[in-house]
Amino acid sequence: LPLRKIVISTWLAEIMASRFGSPAEVIVTPVDPALFHPSAVEPDDGRLRVLMLHHEYEWKGVSDGIEAFTRVKARRPGLRLVGFGLKAPRRELPYDEFFRDLPQPRLAWLYSRCQIYCCPSWDEGLGMPPMEAMACGAALCTYDNGGCRDYALDGRTAMVAPRRDVGALARALARLVEEGDLRERIARQGREFVSMRFDWEQATARLEMLLQAKG
């Protein structure tokens, strides 16, 4: 059928064109600013926290993320790994804290509480949790997983490592941990980028235009 295709990232549009010979319009899903913004947290205890989404699917890269974190923690023993997810891990993992199935307002609190968000996914169509964390003021460290290319600009809005290169991910994470000025700059520029570049009103207006257009 001659349906108009709409995808949520430039990477998916490229896949549609290269694999299927079909053009697709891109509408990046925005972060809800009413929910995801820097939130008040408890007084700073001076500890750096790295937040990571836990999932049992191998391609979510949890093993890679833990390995990268472990390498960095060897030099910074006080570093803490915070996990979150719909379900608790099936086996014991080196999370210092774990939060299960948080409602969205509490997610904003958790994102705001952690200075760094690590996304070790091998592939993502877009990746909303990293964008939400950025909107809440966390500095992003991520694999180049495809979908993140619309918001993770290496050295500007995030530290980006080649896909499935654990050593590079550890080095990117180490820079955010050890270089406070870099971490603060990445966090600030990342928050500004996702908050200003992707807007719900513009996204819905574009969607309406595409749905109403003929051909």
C-alpha atoms as a PDB file:
ATOM      1  CA  LEU A   1       0.000   0.000   0.000  1.00  0.00           C
ATOM      2  CA  PRO A   2       1.228   3.535  -0.761  1.00  0.00           C
ATOM      3  CA  LEU A   3       1.334   4.515   2.897  1.00  0.00           C
ATOM      4  CA  ARG A   4       3.465   7.389   4.133  1.00  0.00           C
ATOM      5  CA  LYS A   5       6.168   6.062   6.445  1.00  0.00           C
ATOM      6  CA  ILE A   6       7.118   7.951   9.593  1.00  0.00           C
ATOM      7  CA  VAL A   7      10.037   6.917  11.807  1.00  0.00           C
ATOM      8  CA  ILE A   8      11.445   8.261  15.061  1.00  0.00           C
ATOM      9  CA  SER A   9      15.108   8.718  14.090  1.00  0.00           C
ATOM     10  CA  THR A  10      17.334   9.567  11.159  1.00  0.00           C
ATOM     11  CA  TRP A  11      19.047   6.181  11.512  1.00  0.00           C
ATOM     12  CA  LEU A  12      15.745   4.348  10.990  1.00  0.00           C
ATOM     13  CA  ALA A  13      15.036   6.491   7.931  1.00  0.00           C
ATOM     14  CA  GLU A  14      18.424   5.480   6.528  1.00  0.00           C
ATOM     15  CA  ILE A  15      17.588   1.815   7.127  1.00  0.00           C
ATOM     16  CA  MET A  16      14.233   2.212   5.386  1.00  0.00           C
ATOM     17  CA  ALA A  17      15.973   3.724   2.364  1.00  0.00           C
ATOM     18  CA  SER A  18      18.941   1.334   2.162  1.00  0.00           C
ATOM     19  CA  ARG A  19      17.200  -1.963   2.963  1.00  0.00           C
ATOM     20  CA  PHE A  20      13.740  -1.407   1.588  1.00  0.00           C
ATOM     21  CA  GLY A  21      14.139   1.398  -0.939  1.00  0.00           C
ATOM     22  CA  SER A  22      11.397   3.308   0.805  1.00  0.00           C
ATOM     23  CA  PRO A  23      11.618   6.954   1.911  1.00  0.00           C
ATOM     24  CA  ALA A  24      10.442   7.812   5.410  1.00  0.00           C
ATOM     25  CA  GLU A  25       9.765  11.037   7.246  1.00  0.00           C
ATOM     26  CA  VAL A  26      11.553  11.594  10.569  1.00  0.00           C
ATOM     27  CA  ILE A  27       9.805  12.887  13.675  1.00  0.00           C
ATOM     28  CA  VAL A  28      12.053  12.489  16.695  1.00  0.00           C
ATOM     29  CA  THR A  29       9.962  11.777  19.779  1.00  0.00           C
ATOM     30  CA  PRO A  30      10.433  14.728  22.163  1.00  0.00           C
ATOM     31  CA  VAL A  31      10.954  14.478  25.898  1.00  0.00           C
ATOM     32  CA  ASP A  32       8.035  15.752  27.971  1.00  0.00           C
ATOM     33  CA  PRO A  33       9.444  18.891  29.671  1.00  0.00           C
ATOM     34  CA  ALA A  34       6.641  18.885  32.229  1.00  0.00           C
ATOM     35  CA  LEU A  35       7.984  15.595  33.577  1.00  0.00           C
ATOM     36  CA  PHE A  36      11.667  15.546  32.744  1.00  0.00           C
ATOM     37  CA  HIS A  37      13.653  18.515  33.980  1.00  0.00           C
ATOM     38  CA  PRO A  38      16.210  18.982  36.775  1.00  0.00           C
ATOM     39  CA  SER A  39      14.448  18.052  40.006  1.00  0.00           C
ATOM     40  CA  ALA A  40      15.174  18.741  43.644  1.00  0.00           C
ATOM     41  CA  VAL A  41      17.171  15.955  45.278  1.00  0.00           C
ATOM     42  CA  GLU A  42      18.653  15.350  48.716  1.00  0.00           C
ATOM     43  CA  PRO A  43      21.767  17.324  49.696  1.00  0.00           C
ATOM     44  CA  ASP A  44      24.848  16.383  47.677  1.00  0.00           C
ATOM     45  CA  ASP A  45      26.881  13.702  49.463  1.00  0.00           C
ATOM     46  CA  GLY A  46      29.865  14.262  47.184  1.00  0.00           C
ATOM     47  CA  ARG A  47      29.582  10.888  45.457  1.00  0.00           C
ATOM     48  CA  LEU A  48      29.523  10.495  41.702  1.00  0.00           C
ATOM     49  CA  ARG A  49      26.759   8.224  40.480  1.00  0.00           C
ATOM     50  CA  VAL A  50      26.519   6.495  37.111  1.00  0.00           C
ATOM     51  CA  LEU A  51      22.985   5.483  36.156  1.00  0.00           C
ATOM     52  CA  MET A  52      22.229   2.600  33.797  1.00  0.00           C
ATOM     53  CA  LEU A  53      19.024   0.933  32.610  1.00  0.00           C
ATOM     54  CA  HIS A  54      18.931  -2.771  33.451  1.00  0.00           C
ATOM     55  CA  HIS A  55      17.420  -5.227  30.991  1.00  0.00           C
ATOM     56  CA  GLU A  56      17.859  -8.949  30.420  1.00  0.00           C
ATOM     57  CA  TYR A  57      18.068  -8.662  26.611  1.00  0.00           C
ATOM     58  CA  GLU A  58      21.711  -9.156  25.591  1.00  0.00           C
ATOM     59  CA  TRP A  59      21.607  -6.337  23.034  1.00  0.00           C
ATOM     60  CA  LYS A  60      20.829  -3.852  25.795  1.00  0.00           C
ATOM     61  CA  GLY A  61      24.523  -4.197  26.638  1.00  0.00           C
ATOM     62  CA  VAL A  62      24.261  -4.428  30.423  1.00  0.00           C
ATOM     63  CA  SER A  63      27.355  -6.658  30.585  1.00  0.00           C
ATOM     64  CA  ASP A  64      29.290  -4.090  28.530  1.00  0.00           C
ATOM     65  CA  GLY A  65      28.133  -1.257  30.760  1.00  0.00           C
ATOM     66  CA  ILE A  66      29.096  -3.092  33.937  1.00  0.00           C
ATOM     67  CA  GLU A  67      32.514  -3.977  32.507  1.00  0.00           C
ATOM     68  CA  ALA A  68      33.152  -0.355  31.493  1.00  0.00           C
ATOM     69  CA  PHE A  69      32.053   0.859  34.929  1.00  0.00           C
ATOM     70  CA  THR A  70      34.240  -1.717  36.708  1.00  0.00           C
ATOM     71  CA  ARG A  71      37.315  -0.548  34.794  1.00  0.00           C
ATOM     72  CA  VAL A  72      36.691   3.059  35.772  1.00  0.00           C
ATOM     73  CA  LYS A  73      35.862   2.236  39.391  1.00  0.00           C
ATOM     74  CA  ALA A  74      39.260   0.544  39.743  1.00  0.00           C
ATOM     75  CA  ARG A  75      40.697   4.072  39.617  1.00  0.00           C
ATOM     76  CA  ARG A  76      37.813   5.761  41.462  1.00  0.00           C
ATOM     77  CA  PRO A  77      36.724   3.421  44.296  1.00  0.00           C
ATOM     78  CA  GLY A  78      34.042   5.833  45.524  1.00  0.00           C
ATOM     79  CA  LEU A  79      32.164   5.747  42.208  1.00  0.00           C
ATOM     80  CA  ARG A  80      28.654   4.285  42.509  1.00  0.00           C
ATOM     81  CA  LEU A  81      26.648   2.344  39.936  1.00  0.00           C
ATOM     82  CA  VAL A  82      22.900   2.889  40.097  1.00  0.00           C
ATOM     83  CA  GLY A  83      20.581   0.582  38.181  1.00  0.00           C
ATOM     84  CA  PHE A  84      16.908   0.868  37.334  1.00  0.00           C
ATOM     85  CA  GLY A  85      14.422  -1.132  35.325  1.00  0.00           C
ATOM     86  CA  LEU A  86      10.990  -2.696  35.202  1.00  0.00           C
ATOM     87  CA  LYS A  87      12.315  -5.822  36.914  1.00  0.00           C
ATOM     88  CA  ALA A  88      15.136  -6.492  39.338  1.00  0.00           C
ATOM     89  CA  PRO A  89      18.156  -8.426  37.999  1.00  0.00           C
ATOM     90  CA  ARG A  90      17.800 -12.204  37.970  1.00  0.00           C
ATOM     91  CA  ARG A  91      21.326 -12.610  39.310  1.00  0.00           C
ATOM     92  CA  GLU A  92      23.548 -10.617  41.617  1.00  0.00           C
ATOM     93  CA  LEU A  93      25.170  -7.684  39.836  1.00  0.00           C
ATOM     94  CA  PRO A  94      27.431  -4.931  41.196  1.00  0.00           C
ATOM     95  CA  TYR A  95      24.774  -2.240  41.485  1.00  0.00           C
ATOM     96  CA  ASP A  96      25.280  -0.087  44.564  1.00  0.00           C
ATOM     97  CA  GLU A  97      21.619   0.886  44.357  1.00  0.00           C
ATOM     98  CA  PHE A  98      18.711  -0.438  42.291  1.00  0.00           C
ATOM     99  CA  PHE A  99      15.296   1.102  41.649  1.00  0.00           C
ATOM    100  CA  ARG A 100      12.494  -1.070  40.305  1.00  0.00           C
ATOM    101  CA  ASP A 101       9.543   0.119  38.210  1.00  0.00           C
ATOM    102  CA  LEU A 102       9.603   3.778  39.208  1.00  0.00           C
ATOM    103  CA  PRO A 103       6.729   6.053  38.119  1.00  0.00           C
ATOM    104  CA  GLN A 104       7.783   8.840  35.783  1.00  0.00           C
ATOM    105  CA  PRO A 105       7.957  11.628  38.413  1.00  0.00           C
ATOM    106  CA  ARG A 106      10.326   9.446  40.445  1.00  0.00           C
ATOM    107  CA  LEU A 107      12.318   8.700  37.299  1.00  0.00           C
ATOM    108  CA  ALA A 108      12.944  12.425  36.917  1.00  0.00           C
ATOM    109  CA  TRP A 109      14.206  12.464  40.518  1.00  0.00           C
ATOM    110  CA  LEU A 110      16.514   9.515  39.802  1.00  0.00           C
ATOM    111  CA  TYR A 111      17.895  11.061  36.609  1.00  0.00           C
ATOM    112  CA  SER A 112      18.527  14.321  38.480  1.00  0.00           C
ATOM    113  CA  ARG A 113      20.278  12.481  41.300  1.00  0.00           C
ATOM    114  CA  CYS A 114      22.875  10.838  39.025  1.00  0.00           C
ATOM    115  CA  GLN A 115      25.528  12.959  37.360  1.00  0.00           C
ATOM    116  CA  ILE A 116      26.209  10.508  34.509  1.00  0.00           C
ATOM    117  CA  TYR A 117      23.936   8.286  32.421  1.00  0.00           C
ATOM    118  CA  CYS A 118      25.563   5.331  30.650  1.00  0.00           C
ATOM    119  CA  CYS A 119      23.779   3.753  27.673  1.00  0.00           C
ATOM    120  CA  PRO A 120      25.583   0.570  26.507  1.00  0.00           C
ATOM    121  CA  SER A 121      22.827  -0.621  24.141  1.00  0.00           C
ATOM    122  CA  TRP A 122      24.153  -2.063  20.890  1.00  0.00           C
ATOM    123  CA  ASP A 123      21.153  -0.803  18.918  1.00  0.00           C
ATOM    124  CA  GLU A 124      18.310   1.614  19.650  1.00  0.00           C
ATOM    125  CA  GLY A 125      15.615   2.997  17.391  1.00  0.00           C
ATOM    126  CA  LEU A 126      15.936   6.263  19.339  1.00  0.00           C
ATOM    127  CA  GLY A 127      16.449   5.752  23.067  1.00  0.00           C
ATOM    128  CA  MET A 128      14.137   7.749  25.318  1.00  0.00           C
ATOM    129  CA  PRO A 129      15.807   7.069  28.712  1.00  0.00           C
ATOM    130  CA  PRO A 130      19.089   8.730  27.625  1.00  0.00           C
ATOM    131  CA  MET A 131      17.163  11.751  26.347  1.00  0.00           C
ATOM    132  CA  GLU A 132      15.135  11.945  29.564  1.00  0.00           C
ATOM    133  CA  ALA A 133      18.317  11.754  31.639  1.00  0.00           C
ATOM    134  CA  MET A 134      19.896  14.521  29.551  1.00  0.00           C
ATOM    135  CA  ALA A 135      16.818  16.708  30.073  1.00  0.00           C
ATOM    136  CA  CYS A 136      17.251  16.211  33.826  1.00  0.00           C
ATOM    137  CA  GLY A 137      20.889  17.297  33.742  1.00  0.00           C
ATOM    138  CA  ALA A 138      22.862  14.051  33.482  1.00  0.00           C
ATOM    139  CA  ALA A 139      25.921  13.858  31.225  1.00  0.00           C
ATOM    140  CA  LEU A 140      25.468  11.085  28.650  1.00  0.00           C
ATOM    141  CA  CYS A 141      28.002   8.369  27.853  1.00  0.00           C
ATOM    142  CA  THR A 142      26.752   6.046  25.107  1.00  0.00           C
ATOM    143  CA  TYR A 143      27.588   3.584  22.404  1.00  0.00           C
ATOM    144  CA  ASP A 144      26.903   4.736  18.857  1.00  0.00           C
ATOM    145  CA  ASN A 145      23.740   2.661  18.720  1.00  0.00           C
ATOM    146  CA  GLY A 146      22.175   4.280  15.660  1.00  0.00           C
ATOM    147  CA  GLY A 147      19.153   6.034  17.084  1.00  0.00           C
ATOM    148  CA  CYS A 148      21.202   8.207  19.427  1.00  0.00           C
ATOM    149  CA  ARG A 149      22.785  10.084  16.520  1.00  0.00           C
ATOM    150  CA  ASP A 150      19.948  12.612  16.538  1.00  0.00           C
ATOM    151  CA  TYR A 151      20.906  13.841  20.016  1.00  0.00           C
ATOM    152  CA  ALA A 152      24.281  12.339  21.080  1.00  0.00           C
ATOM    153  CA  LEU A 153      26.868  14.557  19.393  1.00  0.00           C
ATOM    154  CA  ASP A 154      30.298  13.350  20.464  1.00  0.00           C
ATOM    155  CA  GLY A 155      32.154  15.877  22.588  1.00  0.00           C
ATOM    156  CA  ARG A 156      29.233  18.317  22.481  1.00  0.00           C
ATOM    157  CA  THR A 157      26.108  16.771  23.966  1.00  0.00           C
ATOM    158  CA  ALA A 158      27.520  13.354  24.902  1.00  0.00           C
ATOM    159  CA  MET A 159      30.602  11.176  24.954  1.00  0.00           C
ATOM    160  CA  VAL A 160      30.104   8.563  22.243  1.00  0.00           C
ATOM    161  CA  ALA A 161      31.979   5.270  21.850  1.00  0.00           C
ATOM    162  CA  PRO A 162      31.930   2.937  18.825  1.00  0.00           C
ATOM    163  CA  ARG A 163      29.287   0.225  19.028  1.00  0.00           C
ATOM    164  CA  ARG A 164      30.311  -2.734  21.235  1.00  0.00           C
ATOM    165  CA  ASP A 165      33.791  -1.329  21.951  1.00  0.00           C
ATOM    166  CA  VAL A 166      33.921  -1.765  25.725  1.00  0.00           C
ATOM    167  CA  GLY A 167      37.367  -0.205  25.998  1.00  0.00           C
ATOM    168  CA  ALA A 168      36.216   2.947  24.223  1.00  0.00           C
ATOM    169  CA  LEU A 169      33.069   3.080  26.372  1.00  0.00           C
ATOM    170  CA  ALA A 170      35.217   2.821  29.511  1.00  0.00           C
ATOM    171  CA  ARG A 171      37.492   5.602  28.282  1.00  0.00           C
ATOM    172  CA  ALA A 172      34.517   7.845  27.495  1.00  0.00           C
ATOM    173  CA  LEU A 173      33.023   7.146  30.914  1.00  0.00           C
ATOM    174  CA  ALA A 174      36.376   7.778  32.601  1.00  0.00           C
ATOM    175  CA  ARG A 175      36.613  11.216  31.039  1.00  0.00           C
ATOM    176  CA  LEU A 176      33.204  12.194  32.393  1.00  0.00           C
ATOM    177  CA  VAL A 177      34.127  10.841  35.816  1.00  0.00           C
ATOM    178  CA  GLU A 178      37.575  12.420  36.027  1.00  0.00           C
ATOM    179  CA  GLU A 179      37.082  15.716  34.172  1.00  0.00           C
ATOM    180  CA  GLY A 180      34.547  17.759  36.105  1.00  0.00           C
ATOM    181  CA  ASP A 181      34.527  20.687  33.686  1.00  0.00           C
ATOM    182  CA  LEU A 182      33.875  18.354  30.747  1.00  0.00           C
ATOM    183  CA  ARG A 183      31.103  16.564  32.625  1.00  0.00           C
ATOM    184  CA  GLU A 184      29.366  19.821  33.490  1.00  0.00           C
ATOM    185  CA  ARG A 185      29.696  21.166  29.944  1.00  0.00           C
ATOM    186  CA  ILE A 186      28.356  17.971  28.360  1.00  0.00           C
ATOM    187  CA  ALA A 187      25.474  17.920  30.843  1.00  0.00           C
ATOM    188  CA  ARG A 188      24.576  21.570  30.191  1.00  0.00           C
ATOM    189  CA  GLN A 189      24.799  21.346  26.405  1.00  0.00           C
ATOM    190  CA  GLY A 190      22.958  18.034  26.341  1.00  0.00           C
ATOM    191  CA  ARG A 191      20.109  19.400  28.443  1.00  0.00           C
ATOM    192  CA  GLU A 192      19.804  22.482  26.258  1.00  0.00           C
ATOM    193  CA  PHE A 193      19.898  20.416  23.065  1.00  0.00           C
ATOM    194  CA  VAL A 194      17.158  17.905  23.898  1.00  0.00           C
ATOM    195  CA  SER A 195      15.006  20.572  25.539  1.00  0.00           C
ATOM    196  CA  MET A 196      15.160  23.034  22.647  1.00  0.00           C
ATOM    197  CA  ARG A 197      15.719  20.888  19.551  1.00  0.00           C
ATOM    198  CA  PHE A 198      12.771  18.523  20.010  1.00  0.00           C
ATOM    199  CA  ASP A 199       9.448  20.194  20.778  1.00  0.00           C
ATOM    200  CA  TRP A 200       6.061  18.511  21.252  1.00  0.00           C
ATOM    201  CA  GLU A 201       4.059  21.255  19.543  1.00  0.00           C
ATOM    202  CA  GLN A 202       6.322  21.218  16.495  1.00  0.00           C
ATOM    203  CA  ALA A 203       6.294  17.414  16.405  1.00  0.00           C
ATOM    204  CA  THR A 204       2.501  17.164  16.548  1.00  0.00           C
ATOM    205  CA  ALA A 205       2.082  19.925  13.963  1.00  0.00           C
ATOM    206  CA  ARG A 206       4.442  18.101  11.603  1.00  0.00           C
ATOM    207  CA  LEU A 207       2.621  14.821  12.186  1.00  0.00           C
ATOM    208  CA  GLU A 208      -0.724  16.442  11.358  1.00  0.00           C
ATOM    209  CA  MET A 209       0.765  17.951   8.205  1.00  0.00           C
ATOM    210  CA  LEU A 210       2.120  14.587   7.056  1.00  0.00           C
ATOM    211  CA  LEU A 211      -1.148  12.787   7.762  1.00  0.00           C
ATOM    212  CA  GLN A 212      -3.145  15.400   5.870  1.00  0.00           C
ATOM    213  CA  ALA A 213      -0.791  15.558   2.882  1.00  0.00           C
ATOM    214  CA  LYS A 214      -1.706  13.620  -0.233  1.00  0.00           C
ATOM    215  CA  GLY A 215       0.636  11.211  -1.989  1.00  0.00           C
END
